C-alpha atoms as a PDB file:
ATOM      1  CA  MET A   1     -30.449  -2.309  23.182  1.00  0.00           C
ATOM      2  CA  GLN A   2     -27.295  -1.364  21.270  1.00  0.00           C
ATOM      3  CA  LYS A   3     -24.645  -4.073  20.951  1.00  0.00           C
ATOM      4  CA  TRP A   4     -21.210  -3.001  19.782  1.00  0.00           C
ATOM      5  CA  PRO A   5     -18.911  -5.744  18.362  1.00  0.00           C
ATOM      6  CA  MET A   6     -15.264  -4.885  18.875  1.00  0.00           C
ATOM      7  CA  CYS A   7     -11.832  -6.458  18.716  1.00  0.00           C
ATOM      8  CA  LYS A   8      -9.517  -6.041  21.687  1.00  0.00           C
ATOM      9  CA  GLN A   9      -5.803  -6.625  21.890  1.00  0.00           C
ATOM     10  CA  TYR A  10      -4.224  -8.221  24.959  1.00  0.00           C
ATOM     11  CA  VAL A  11      -0.487  -8.365  25.686  1.00  0.00           C
ATOM     12  CA  GLN A  12       0.669 -11.707  27.090  1.00  0.00           C
ATOM     13  CA  ARG A  13       3.696 -12.382  29.299  1.00  0.00           C
ATOM     14  CA  ARG A  14       7.018 -12.390  27.488  1.00  0.00           C
ATOM     15  CA  GLU A  15       8.511 -15.494  29.190  1.00  0.00           C
ATOM     16  CA  VAL A  16      11.793 -16.584  27.497  1.00  0.00           C
ATOM     17  CA  SER A  17      11.324 -14.674  24.240  1.00  0.00           C
ATOM     18  CA  ASP A  18      12.303 -11.022  23.808  1.00  0.00           C
ATOM     19  CA  HIS A  19       8.851 -10.372  22.267  1.00  0.00           C
ATOM     20  CA  SER A  20       5.441 -10.297  23.936  1.00  0.00           C
ATOM     21  CA  ALA A  21       2.700 -12.367  22.376  1.00  0.00           C
ATOM     22  CA  LEU A  22      -0.466 -10.512  21.325  1.00  0.00           C
ATOM     23  CA  MET A  23      -3.896 -12.046  21.594  1.00  0.00           C
ATOM     24  CA  ILE A  24      -6.797 -10.491  19.636  1.00  0.00           C
ATOM     25  CA  LYS A  25     -10.227 -11.289  20.979  1.00  0.00           C
ATOM     26  CA  CYS A  26     -13.617 -10.355  19.523  1.00  0.00           C
ATOM     27  CA  VAL A  27     -16.074  -9.341  22.237  1.00  0.00           C
ATOM     28  CA  HIS A  28     -19.662  -8.065  22.249  1.00  0.00           C
ATOM     29  CA  LYS A  29     -20.689  -5.449  24.798  1.00  0.00           C
ATOM     30  CA  ASP A  30     -24.265  -4.374  25.441  1.00  0.00           C
ATOM     31  CA  TRP A  31     -24.120  -0.686  26.358  1.00  0.00           C
ATOM     32  CA  GLY A  32     -27.880  -0.197  26.436  1.00  0.00           C
ATOM     33  CA  PRO A  33     -30.066   1.910  24.146  1.00  0.00           C
ATOM     34  CA  LYS A  34     -28.373   4.310  21.747  1.00  0.00           C
ATOM     35  CA  PRO A  35     -28.977   7.992  22.620  1.00  0.00           C
ATOM     36  CA  PHE A  36     -31.140   9.959  20.192  1.00  0.00           C
ATOM     37  CA  ARG A  37     -29.396  12.557  18.037  1.00  0.00           C
ATOM     38  CA  SER A  38     -31.035  14.637  15.323  1.00  0.00           C
ATOM     39  CA  ILE A  39     -29.228  14.229  12.006  1.00  0.00           C
ATOM     40  CA  ASP A  40     -28.654  17.213   9.730  1.00  0.00           C
ATOM     41  CA  ALA A  41     -28.992  14.962   6.689  1.00  0.00           C
ATOM     42  CA  TRP A  42     -32.678  14.545   7.565  1.00  0.00           C
ATOM     43  CA  LEU A  43     -33.191  18.192   6.655  1.00  0.00           C
ATOM     44  CA  LEU A  44     -32.179  17.412   3.053  1.00  0.00           C
ATOM     45  CA  GLU A  45     -34.883  14.751   2.670  1.00  0.00           C
ATOM     46  CA  THR A  46     -37.914  15.749   0.617  1.00  0.00           C
ATOM     47  CA  GLY A  47     -41.049  15.834   2.753  1.00  0.00           C
ATOM     48  CA  PHE A  48     -39.215  15.888   6.094  1.00  0.00           C
ATOM     49  CA  SER A  49     -40.584  19.257   7.203  1.00  0.00           C
ATOM     50  CA  GLY A  50     -44.128  18.244   6.272  1.00  0.00           C
ATOM     51  CA  MET A  51     -43.800  15.001   8.224  1.00  0.00           C
ATOM     52  CA  VAL A  52     -42.567  16.863  11.334  1.00  0.00           C
ATOM     53  CA  GLU A  53     -45.421  19.362  11.096  1.00  0.00           C
ATOM     54  CA  GLU A  54     -48.022  16.610  10.687  1.00  0.00           C
ATOM     55  CA  LYS A  55     -46.709  14.623  13.658  1.00  0.00           C
ATOM     56  CA  TRP A  56     -46.313  17.692  15.877  1.00  0.00           C
ATOM     57  CA  ARG A  57     -49.883  18.859  15.307  1.00  0.00           C
ATOM     58  CA  SER A  58     -51.209  15.390  16.156  1.00  0.00           C
ATOM     59  CA  TYR A  59     -49.705  15.441  19.660  1.00  0.00           C
ATOM     60  CA  GLU A  60     -51.721  16.553  22.675  1.00  0.00           C
ATOM     61  CA  GLY A  61     -50.253  17.454  26.027  1.00  0.00           C
ATOM     62  CA  GLN A  62     -51.516  18.196  29.507  1.00  0.00           C
ATOM     63  CA  GLY A  63     -50.147  20.354  32.276  1.00  0.00           C
ATOM     64  CA  SER A  64     -47.937  23.428  32.049  1.00  0.00           C
ATOM     65  CA  ALA A  65     -46.636  24.733  28.727  1.00  0.00           C
ATOM     66  CA  ILE A  66     -43.130  23.518  29.635  1.00  0.00           C
ATOM     67  CA  LYS A  67     -44.408  19.992  30.281  1.00  0.00           C
ATOM     68  CA  VAL A  68     -46.413  20.048  27.038  1.00  0.00           C
ATOM     69  CA  LEU A  69     -43.286  21.010  25.075  1.00  0.00           C
ATOM     70  CA  LYS A  70     -41.264  18.278  26.775  1.00  0.00           C
ATOM     71  CA  ASP A  71     -43.932  15.626  26.104  1.00  0.00           C
ATOM     72  CA  LYS A  72     -44.237  16.622  22.435  1.00  0.00           C
ATOM     73  CA  LEU A  73     -40.473  16.447  21.909  1.00  0.00           C
ATOM     74  CA  LYS A  74     -40.448  13.026  23.554  1.00  0.00           C
ATOM     75  CA  LEU A  75     -43.187  11.747  21.220  1.00  0.00           C
ATOM     76  CA  LEU A  76     -41.446  13.272  18.215  1.00  0.00           C
ATOM     77  CA  LYS A  77     -38.241  11.385  19.026  1.00  0.00           C
ATOM     78  CA  VAL A  78     -40.107   8.079  18.817  1.00  0.00           C
ATOM     79  CA  ASP A  79     -41.667   8.961  15.448  1.00  0.00           C
ATOM     80  CA  LEU A  80     -38.353  10.224  14.064  1.00  0.00           C
ATOM     81  CA  LYS A  81     -36.636   6.956  14.955  1.00  0.00           C
ATOM     82  CA  ILE A  82     -39.346   5.040  13.090  1.00  0.00           C
ATOM     83  CA  TRP A  83     -39.167   7.421  10.117  1.00  0.00           C
ATOM     84  CA  ASN A  84     -35.372   7.176  10.021  1.00  0.00           C
ATOM     85  CA  LYS A  85     -35.565   3.388   9.816  1.00  0.00           C
ATOM     86  CA  ASP A  86     -38.523   3.013   7.431  1.00  0.00           C
ATOM     87  CA  VAL A  87     -38.197   6.061   5.145  1.00  0.00           C
ATOM     88  CA  PHE A  88     -34.754   7.631   5.386  1.00  0.00           C
ATOM     89  CA  GLY A  89     -33.031   4.243   5.440  1.00  0.00           C
ATOM     90  CA  ASN A  90     -29.367   3.320   5.213  1.00  0.00           C
ATOM     91  CA  LEU A  91     -27.529   5.819   3.013  1.00  0.00           C
ATOM     92  CA  ASP A  92     -24.720   3.463   2.012  1.00  0.00           C
ATOM     93  CA  SER A  93     -27.205   0.777   0.922  1.00  0.00           C
ATOM     94  CA  SER A  94     -29.220   3.344  -1.020  1.00  0.00           C
ATOM     95  CA  LYS A  95     -26.076   4.519  -2.798  1.00  0.00           C
ATOM     96  CA  GLN A  96     -25.042   0.991  -3.753  1.00  0.00           C
ATOM     97  CA  SER A  97     -28.543   0.290  -5.070  1.00  0.00           C
ATOM     98  CA  LEU A  98     -28.472   3.425  -7.243  1.00  0.00           C
ATOM     99  CA  LEU A  99     -25.019   2.568  -8.593  1.00  0.00           C
ATOM    100  CA  GLN A 100     -26.187  -0.947  -9.444  1.00  0.00           C
ATOM    101  CA  ASP A 101     -29.237   0.369 -11.334  1.00  0.00           C
ATOM    102  CA  MET A 102     -27.048   2.808 -13.260  1.00  0.00           C
ATOM    103  CA  GLU A 103     -24.595   0.040 -14.110  1.00  0.00           C
ATOM    104  CA  ASN A 104     -27.425  -2.151 -15.431  1.00  0.00           C
ATOM    105  CA  LEU A 105     -28.612   0.658 -17.705  1.00  0.00           C
ATOM    106  CA  ASP A 106     -25.051   1.331 -18.890  1.00  0.00           C
ATOM    107  CA  CYS A 107     -24.571  -2.344 -19.775  1.00  0.00           C
ATOM    108  CA  GLN A 108     -27.840  -2.318 -21.665  1.00  0.00           C
ATOM    109  CA  ASP A 109     -26.779   0.866 -23.474  1.00  0.00           C
ATOM    110  CA  ASN A 110     -23.568  -0.824 -24.641  1.00  0.00           C
ATOM    111  CA  GLN A 111     -25.558  -3.647 -26.220  1.00  0.00           C
ATOM    112  CA  GLU A 112     -28.439  -1.679 -27.625  1.00  0.00           C
ATOM    113  CA  CYS A 113     -29.627   1.902 -27.695  1.00  0.00           C
ATOM    114  CA  LEU A 114     -31.658   2.962 -24.654  1.00  0.00           C
ATOM    115  CA  GLU A 115     -35.155   4.257 -25.122  1.00  0.00           C
ATOM    116  CA  GLU A 116     -36.036   7.810 -24.192  1.00  0.00           C
ATOM    117  CA  SER A 117     -37.801   6.686 -21.006  1.00  0.00           C
ATOM    118  CA  GLN A 118     -34.714   4.709 -19.944  1.00  0.00           C
ATOM    119  CA  ARG A 119     -32.434   7.688 -20.542  1.00  0.00           C
ATOM    120  CA  LYS A 120     -34.727   9.815 -18.436  1.00  0.00           C
ATOM    121  CA  LEU A 121     -34.633   7.102 -15.754  1.00  0.00           C
ATOM    122  CA  ARG A 122     -30.838   7.205 -15.743  1.00  0.00           C
ATOM    123  CA  SER A 123     -30.870  10.985 -15.371  1.00  0.00           C
ATOM    124  CA  ASP A 124     -33.175  10.602 -12.363  1.00  0.00           C
ATOM    125  CA  LEU A 125     -30.808   8.016 -10.886  1.00  0.00           C
ATOM    126  CA  VAL A 126     -27.867  10.414 -11.254  1.00  0.00           C
ATOM    127  CA  ARG A 127     -29.855  13.160  -9.539  1.00  0.00           C
ATOM    128  CA  LYS A 128     -30.779  10.828  -6.669  1.00  0.00           C
ATOM    129  CA  LEU A 129     -27.128   9.739  -6.378  1.00  0.00           C
ATOM    130  CA  TRP A 130     -26.046  13.357  -5.955  1.00  0.00           C
ATOM    131  CA  GLU A 131     -28.688  13.801  -3.249  1.00  0.00           C
ATOM    132  CA  VAL A 132     -27.539  10.671  -1.383  1.00  0.00           C
ATOM    133  CA  ASP A 133     -23.887  11.800  -1.623  1.00  0.00           C
ATOM    134  CA  ALA A 134     -24.853  15.163  -0.139  1.00  0.00           C
ATOM    135  CA  LYS A 135     -26.594  13.413   2.776  1.00  0.00           C
ATOM    136  CA  ILE A 136     -23.618  11.112   3.398  1.00  0.00           C
ATOM    137  CA  GLU A 137     -21.265  14.110   3.373  1.00  0.00           C
ATOM    138  CA  SER A 138     -23.530  15.951   5.816  1.00  0.00           C
ATOM    139  CA  LEU A 139     -23.625  12.923   8.129  1.00  0.00           C
ATOM    140  CA  LEU A 140     -19.831  12.538   8.104  1.00  0.00           C
ATOM    141  CA  ARG A 141     -19.372  16.242   8.706  1.00  0.00           C
ATOM    142  CA  GLN A 142     -21.662  16.075  11.737  1.00  0.00           C
ATOM    143  CA  LYS A 143     -19.839  13.033  13.120  1.00  0.00           C
ATOM    144  CA  ALA A 144     -16.385  14.523  12.603  1.00  0.00           C
ATOM    145  CA  ARG A 145     -17.181  17.755  14.490  1.00  0.00           C
ATOM    146  CA  ALA A 146     -14.246  19.368  12.680  1.00  0.00           C
ATOM    147  CA  ASN A 147     -14.075  22.596  10.701  1.00  0.00           C
ATOM    148  CA  TRP A 148     -13.701  20.534   7.548  1.00  0.00           C
ATOM    149  CA  LEU A 149     -14.768  23.285   5.175  1.00  0.00           C
ATOM    150  CA  LYS A 150     -11.751  25.291   6.352  1.00  0.00           C
ATOM    151  CA  PHE A 151      -9.157  22.523   6.647  1.00  0.00           C
ATOM    152  CA  GLY A 152     -10.233  20.050   3.963  1.00  0.00           C
ATOM    153  CA  ASP A 153     -13.069  18.018   2.480  1.00  0.00           C
ATOM    154  CA  SER A 154     -14.431  14.568   3.279  1.00  0.00           C
ATOM    155  CA  CYS A 155     -12.021  12.804   0.902  1.00  0.00           C
ATOM    156  CA  THR A 156      -8.855  13.813   2.755  1.00  0.00           C
ATOM    157  CA  SER A 157      -6.976  11.740   5.302  1.00  0.00           C
ATOM    158  CA  PHE A 158      -7.281  14.684   7.716  1.00  0.00           C
ATOM    159  CA  PHE A 159     -11.064  14.434   7.688  1.00  0.00           C
ATOM    160  CA  HIS A 160     -11.168  10.696   8.327  1.00  0.00           C
ATOM    161  CA  SER A 161      -8.431  10.842  10.945  1.00  0.00           C
ATOM    162  CA  SER A 162     -10.451  13.545  12.751  1.00  0.00           C
ATOM    163  CA  LEU A 163     -13.514  11.333  12.654  1.00  0.00           C
ATOM    164  CA  ARG A 164     -11.588   8.287  13.893  1.00  0.00           C
ATOM    165  CA  TRP A 165      -9.769  10.226  16.625  1.00  0.00           C
ATOM    166  CA  ARG A 166     -13.025  11.689  17.951  1.00  0.00           C
ATOM    167  CA  ARG A 167     -14.511   8.185  18.249  1.00  0.00           C
ATOM    168  CA  ILE A 168     -11.444   6.912  20.117  1.00  0.00           C
ATOM    169  CA  ARG A 169     -11.327   9.941  22.405  1.00  0.00           C
ATOM    170  CA  ASN A 170     -14.998   9.703  23.379  1.00  0.00           C
ATOM    171  CA  GLU A 171     -14.986   5.951  23.975  1.00  0.00           C
ATOM    172  CA  VAL A 172     -14.974   4.799  27.601  1.00  0.00           C
ATOM    173  CA  LYS A 173     -13.522   1.299  27.501  1.00  0.00           C
ATOM    174  CA  GLY A 174     -13.383   0.602  31.233  1.00  0.00           C
ATOM    175  CA  VAL A 175     -12.919   1.926  34.769  1.00  0.00           C
ATOM    176  CA  GLU A 176     -10.833   1.039  37.809  1.00  0.00           C
ATOM    177  CA  VAL A 177     -12.804  -0.182  40.824  1.00  0.00           C
ATOM    178  CA  GLY A 178     -10.771  -0.842  43.959  1.00  0.00           C
ATOM    179  CA  GLY A 179      -7.570  -0.957  41.923  1.00  0.00           C
ATOM    180  CA  VAL A 180      -8.993  -3.543  39.514  1.00  0.00           C
ATOM    181  CA  ARG A 181      -9.831  -2.586  35.929  1.00  0.00           C
ATOM    182  CA  CYS A 182     -13.363  -3.522  34.868  1.00  0.00           C
ATOM    183  CA  GLU A 183     -14.852  -3.322  31.364  1.00  0.00           C
ATOM    184  CA  GLU A 184     -18.351  -4.642  32.032  1.00  0.00           C
ATOM    185  CA  PRO A 185     -20.939  -2.104  30.752  1.00  0.00           C
ATOM    186  CA  SER A 186     -23.133  -2.395  33.876  1.00  0.00           C
ATOM    187  CA  THR A 187     -20.199  -1.592  36.163  1.00  0.00           C
ATOM    188  CA  VAL A 188     -18.960   1.250  33.942  1.00  0.00           C
ATOM    189  CA  ARG A 189     -22.432   2.840  33.899  1.00  0.00           C
ATOM    190  CA  LEU A 190     -22.760   2.502  37.683  1.00  0.00           C
ATOM    191  CA  GLU A 191     -19.357   4.063  38.366  1.00  0.00           C
ATOM    192  CA  ALA A 192     -20.090   6.922  35.941  1.00  0.00           C
ATOM    193  CA  LYS A 193     -23.367   7.576  37.764  1.00  0.00           C
ATOM    194  CA  LYS A 194     -21.578   7.624  41.138  1.00  0.00           C
ATOM    195  CA  LEU A 195     -18.936  10.017  39.783  1.00  0.00           C
ATOM    196  CA  PHE A 196     -21.442  12.607  38.543  1.00  0.00           C
ATOM    197  CA  GLU A 197     -23.574  12.253  41.681  1.00  0.00           C
ATOM    198  CA  SER A 198     -20.548  13.025  43.856  1.00  0.00           C
ATOM    199  CA  ARG A 199     -19.476  15.941  41.646  1.00  0.00           C
ATOM    200  CA  PHE A 200     -22.877  17.639  41.552  1.00  0.00           C
ATOM    201  CA  LYS A 201     -24.177  16.750  45.009  1.00  0.00           C
ATOM    202  CA  ALA A 202     -25.596  19.816  46.735  1.00  0.00           C
ATOM    203  CA  ILE A 203     -24.505  20.782  50.215  1.00  0.00           C
ATOM    204  CA  LYS A 204     -26.357  22.971  52.682  1.00  0.00           C
ATOM    205  CA  ASP A 205     -23.546  25.445  53.350  1.00  0.00           C
ATOM    206  CA  PHE A 206     -21.516  26.618  50.346  1.00  0.00           C
ATOM    207  CA  GLY A 207     -19.180  28.649  52.550  1.00  0.00           C
ATOM    208  CA  LEU A 208     -19.982  31.945  50.812  1.00  0.00           C
ATOM    209  CA  ARG A 209     -20.383  35.123  52.843  1.00  0.00           C
ATOM    210  CA  LEU A 210     -21.598  38.217  50.988  1.00  0.00           C
ATOM    211  CA  GLU A 211     -22.336  40.645  53.829  1.00  0.00           C
ATOM    212  CA  ALA A 212     -19.471  43.022  53.009  1.00  0.00           C
ATOM    213  CA  VAL A 213     -19.806  42.850  49.222  1.00  0.00           C
ATOM    214  CA  GLU A 214     -21.092  45.952  47.468  1.00  0.00           C
ATOM    215  CA  PHE A 215     -23.028  44.977  44.367  1.00  0.00           C
ATOM    216  CA  LYS A 216     -23.543  47.210  41.389  1.00  0.00           C
ATOM    217  CA  PHE A 217     -27.167  48.008  40.632  1.00  0.00           C
ATOM    218  CA  LEU A 218     -29.188  48.697  37.495  1.00  0.00           C
ATOM    219  CA  LEU A 219     -30.947  51.924  36.696  1.00  0.00           C
ATOM    220  CA  PRO A 220     -34.765  51.836  37.014  1.00  0.00           C
ATOM    221  CA  ASP A 221     -35.349  51.859  33.235  1.00  0.00           C
ATOM    222  CA  VAL A 222     -32.933  48.958  32.740  1.00  0.00           C
ATOM    223  CA  SER A 223     -34.466  47.072  35.661  1.00  0.00           C
ATOM    224  CA  ARG A 224     -37.941  47.315  34.151  1.00  0.00           C
ATOM    225  CA  SER A 225     -36.655  46.024  30.816  1.00  0.00           C
ATOM    226  CA  MET A 226     -35.349  42.906  32.561  1.00  0.00           C
ATOM    227  CA  ILE A 227     -38.855  41.796  33.574  1.00  0.00           C
ATOM    228  CA  GLU A 228     -40.676  42.628  30.359  1.00  0.00           C
ATOM    229  CA  ALA A 229     -42.241  39.743  28.461  1.00  0.00           C
ATOM    230  CA  PHE A 230     -40.077  37.988  25.879  1.00  0.00           C
ATOM    231  CA  THR A 231     -40.946  39.020  22.346  1.00  0.00           C
ATOM    232  CA  GLU A 232     -41.051  36.645  19.417  1.00  0.00           C
ATOM    233  CA  GLU A 233     -38.243  38.575  17.739  1.00  0.00           C
ATOM    234  CA  GLU A 234     -36.004  38.250  20.819  1.00  0.00           C
ATOM    235  CA  ILE A 235     -36.591  34.507  21.054  1.00  0.00           C
ATOM    236  CA  LYS A 236     -35.915  33.923  17.354  1.00  0.00           C
ATOM    237  CA  LYS A 237     -32.777  36.060  17.473  1.00  0.00           C
ATOM    238  CA  ALA A 238     -31.448  34.066  20.434  1.00  0.00           C
ATOM    239  CA  VAL A 239     -32.108  30.766  18.621  1.00  0.00           C
ATOM    240  CA  TRP A 240     -30.506  31.931  15.373  1.00  0.00           C
ATOM    241  CA  GLN A 241     -27.376  33.113  17.207  1.00  0.00           C
ATOM    242  CA  CYS A 242     -26.701  29.544  18.417  1.00  0.00           C
ATOM    243  CA  GLU A 243     -24.409  27.247  16.439  1.00  0.00           C
ATOM    244  CA  GLY A 244     -26.550  24.839  14.413  1.00  0.00           C
ATOM    245  CA  THR A 245     -24.933  21.515  15.273  1.00  0.00           C
ATOM    246  CA  LYS A 246     -25.119  22.086  19.048  1.00  0.00           C
ATOM    247  CA  SER A 247     -27.894  20.568  21.166  1.00  0.00           C
ATOM    248  CA  PRO A 248     -29.297  22.869  23.881  1.00  0.00           C
ATOM    249  CA  GLY A 249     -30.151  19.895  26.105  1.00  0.00           C
ATOM    250  CA  PRO A 250     -29.909  16.127  26.527  1.00  0.00           C
ATOM    251  CA  ASP A 251     -32.963  15.503  24.303  1.00  0.00           C
ATOM    252  CA  GLY A 252     -30.725  15.310  21.213  1.00  0.00           C
ATOM    253  CA  PHE A 253     -32.426  17.989  19.076  1.00  0.00           C
ATOM    254  CA  ASN A 254     -29.819  20.404  17.723  1.00  0.00           C
ATOM    255  CA  PHE A 255     -30.382  23.995  16.623  1.00  0.00           C
ATOM    256  CA  ASN A 256     -30.339  23.114  12.915  1.00  0.00           C
ATOM    257  CA  PHE A 257     -33.455  21.018  13.493  1.00  0.00           C
ATOM    258  CA  ILE A 258     -35.089  23.740  15.616  1.00  0.00           C
ATOM    259  CA  LYS A 259     -34.376  26.427  12.992  1.00  0.00           C
ATOM    260  CA  LYS A 260     -35.642  24.240  10.141  1.00  0.00           C
ATOM    261  CA  SER A 261     -38.871  23.430  12.020  1.00  0.00           C
ATOM    262  CA  TRP A 262     -39.239  26.825  13.692  1.00  0.00           C
ATOM    263  CA  ASN A 263     -42.633  27.679  12.176  1.00  0.00           C
ATOM    264  CA  THR A 264     -44.010  24.400  13.547  1.00  0.00           C
ATOM    265  CA  LEU A 265     -42.341  24.484  16.972  1.00  0.00           C
ATOM    266  CA  LYS A 266     -42.571  28.242  17.580  1.00  0.00           C
ATOM    267  CA  PRO A 267     -45.977  28.413  19.363  1.00  0.00           C
ATOM    268  CA  ASP A 268     -44.997  25.754  21.928  1.00  0.00           C
ATOM    269  CA  PHE A 269     -41.541  27.234  22.504  1.00  0.00           C
ATOM    270  CA  ILE A 270     -42.966  30.722  23.073  1.00  0.00           C
ATOM    271  CA  ALA A 271     -45.635  29.330  25.421  1.00  0.00           C
ATOM    272  CA  ALA A 272     -42.992  27.441  27.433  1.00  0.00           C
ATOM    273  CA  LEU A 273     -40.813  30.554  27.786  1.00  0.00           C
ATOM    274  CA  LYS A 274     -43.832  32.631  28.810  1.00  0.00           C
ATOM    275  CA  CYS A 275     -44.699  30.002  31.435  1.00  0.00           C
ATOM    276  CA  PHE A 276     -41.157  30.157  32.815  1.00  0.00           C
ATOM    277  CA  GLN A 277     -41.206  33.952  32.913  1.00  0.00           C
ATOM    278  CA  GLU A 278     -44.505  34.006  34.805  1.00  0.00           C
ATOM    279  CA  THR A 279     -43.656  31.295  37.349  1.00  0.00           C
ATOM    280  CA  GLY A 280     -39.865  31.471  37.508  1.00  0.00           C
ATOM    281  CA  VAL A 281     -39.798  27.693  37.810  1.00  0.00           C
ATOM    282  CA  ILE A 282     -38.568  24.955  35.483  1.00  0.00           C
ATOM    283  CA  PRO A 283     -40.105  21.683  36.729  1.00  0.00           C
ATOM    284  CA  MET A 284     -38.127  18.459  36.920  1.00  0.00           C
ATOM    285  CA  LEU A 285     -38.653  16.999  33.444  1.00  0.00           C
ATOM    286  CA  HIS A 286     -35.717  14.593  33.166  1.00  0.00           C
ATOM    287  CA  SER A 287     -37.831  11.435  33.490  1.00  0.00           C
END
């Protein structure tokens, strides 16, 4: 479960003074498990592609090709979370550790000449530092969701203000229930569920009447092309036309991850699309 510590500011009654007192209170809210999101910085890690391929080939699924693909992606999410914690680690901590090791070697170099092996070690530390900086920059860029390469880099106030504003804009602090504001996570989640259920609830009669509408029709050759089997080239072209940081569904895997691991995922993706084309049905796989 993800617990988010936060400080909240409350305005008190003014009473006799011409100023209102402010009370700052630190609260902890349990908003439940954190949603999975694939991180582009993973793609820069040495051995990541090999790890994904090894895990993917170890999975076995049963049922239709669509269900097999869904089950494999679900298992991969679990393994990626473990790998992110045990192997990828915390980038800021890794950077501080590298800087500390470099500082120790620099202090030793000021007192006495470093040996050749130590100089080589320092060069390796510099290389690793550049790699960690590239991953941190990639992570910030993904979080900011701004066209930072066009408007500025990660060291500008624009970049960090974009990142901060996106966090504030996406945060749901509370809801009004019966005219009373509530900030309890359980109530907020329940009201959000009710809202989307009411918005997307199906009704029997949509009120549409199409008897007098004349539809355009396709020529026979074009009609036949619409039911031909998907080719591997068509599928790959459709994937590569999608923006990399976008996720095609709620599973959290974005197109950068899919493109990077395409050779591994391709057989299952093609099988799932072929299954859909043959049956015309996408089963309920949200559970």
